Amino acid sequence: MIAQYPQEILGAAHIACYEMNPGVLIKLLDSAMRLPLQV
């Protein structure tokens, strides 16, 4: 997904500085999947 839309996801400034390397852990969430919450 990042490869298809790098500027929309990471931003033009990030692409100019770091190219396609997100530099952070990215987790894509599925909105149909229920997430357990710790209380």
C-alpha atoms as a PDB file:
ATOM      1  CA  MET A   1       0.000   0.000   0.000  1.00  0.00           C
ATOM      2  CA  ILE A   2       2.838   2.391   0.816  1.00  0.00           C
ATOM      3  CA  ALA A   3       4.464   1.555  -2.524  1.00  0.00           C
ATOM      4  CA  GLN A   4       1.262   2.557  -4.339  1.00  0.00           C
ATOM      5  CA  TYR A   5       0.613   5.819  -2.433  1.00  0.00           C
ATOM      6  CA  PRO A   6       3.894   6.914  -0.798  1.00  0.00           C
ATOM      7  CA  GLN A   7       3.238  10.667  -0.704  1.00  0.00           C
ATOM      8  CA  GLU A   8      -0.323  10.274   0.559  1.00  0.00           C
ATOM      9  CA  ILE A   9       0.742   7.932   3.371  1.00  0.00           C
ATOM     10  CA  LEU A  10       4.222   9.166   4.333  1.00  0.00           C
ATOM     11  CA  GLY A  11       4.116  12.746   3.051  1.00  0.00           C
ATOM     12  CA  ALA A  12       6.275  14.551   0.493  1.00  0.00           C
ATOM     13  CA  ALA A  13       8.800  15.803   3.085  1.00  0.00           C
ATOM     14  CA  HIS A  14       9.353  12.278   4.430  1.00  0.00           C
ATOM     15  CA  ILE A  15       9.824  10.884   0.909  1.00  0.00           C
ATOM     16  CA  ALA A  16      12.349  13.654   0.128  1.00  0.00           C
ATOM     17  CA  CYS A  17      14.343  12.899   3.279  1.00  0.00           C
ATOM     18  CA  TYR A  18      13.976   9.137   3.854  1.00  0.00           C
ATOM     19  CA  GLU A  19      12.559   7.855   0.539  1.00  0.00           C
ATOM     20  CA  MET A  20      10.271   4.797   0.954  1.00  0.00           C
ATOM     21  CA  ASN A  21      11.620   3.793   4.384  1.00  0.00           C
ATOM     22  CA  PRO A  22       8.813   4.467   6.900  1.00  0.00           C
ATOM     23  CA  GLY A  23      11.267   4.463   9.828  1.00  0.00           C
ATOM     24  CA  VAL A  24       8.490   3.365  12.176  1.00  0.00           C
ATOM     25  CA  LEU A  25       6.526   0.216  12.808  1.00  0.00           C
ATOM     26  CA  ILE A  26       3.364   0.344  10.721  1.00  0.00           C
ATOM     27  CA  LYS A  27       0.427  -1.924  11.409  1.00  0.00           C
ATOM     28  CA  LEU A  28      -2.542  -1.868   9.090  1.00  0.00           C
ATOM     29  CA  LEU A  29      -5.811  -2.535  10.899  1.00  0.00           C
ATOM     30  CA  ASP A  30      -8.783  -4.352   9.460  1.00  0.00           C
ATOM     31  CA  SER A  31     -11.929  -2.465  10.507  1.00  0.00           C
ATOM     32  CA  ALA A  32     -13.921  -5.707  10.376  1.00  0.00           C
ATOM     33  CA  MET A  33     -11.687  -7.300  13.030  1.00  0.00           C
ATOM     34  CA  ARG A  34     -12.553  -6.674  16.680  1.00  0.00           C
ATOM     35  CA  LEU A  35      -9.588  -5.421  18.695  1.00  0.00           C
ATOM     36  CA  PRO A  36      -9.229  -6.507  22.323  1.00  0.00           C
ATOM     37  CA  LEU A  37      -8.715  -3.604  24.702  1.00  0.00           C
ATOM     38  CA  GLN A  38      -6.679  -3.811  27.884  1.00  0.00           C
ATOM     39  CA  VAL A  39      -8.325  -2.111  30.815  1.00  0.00           C
END
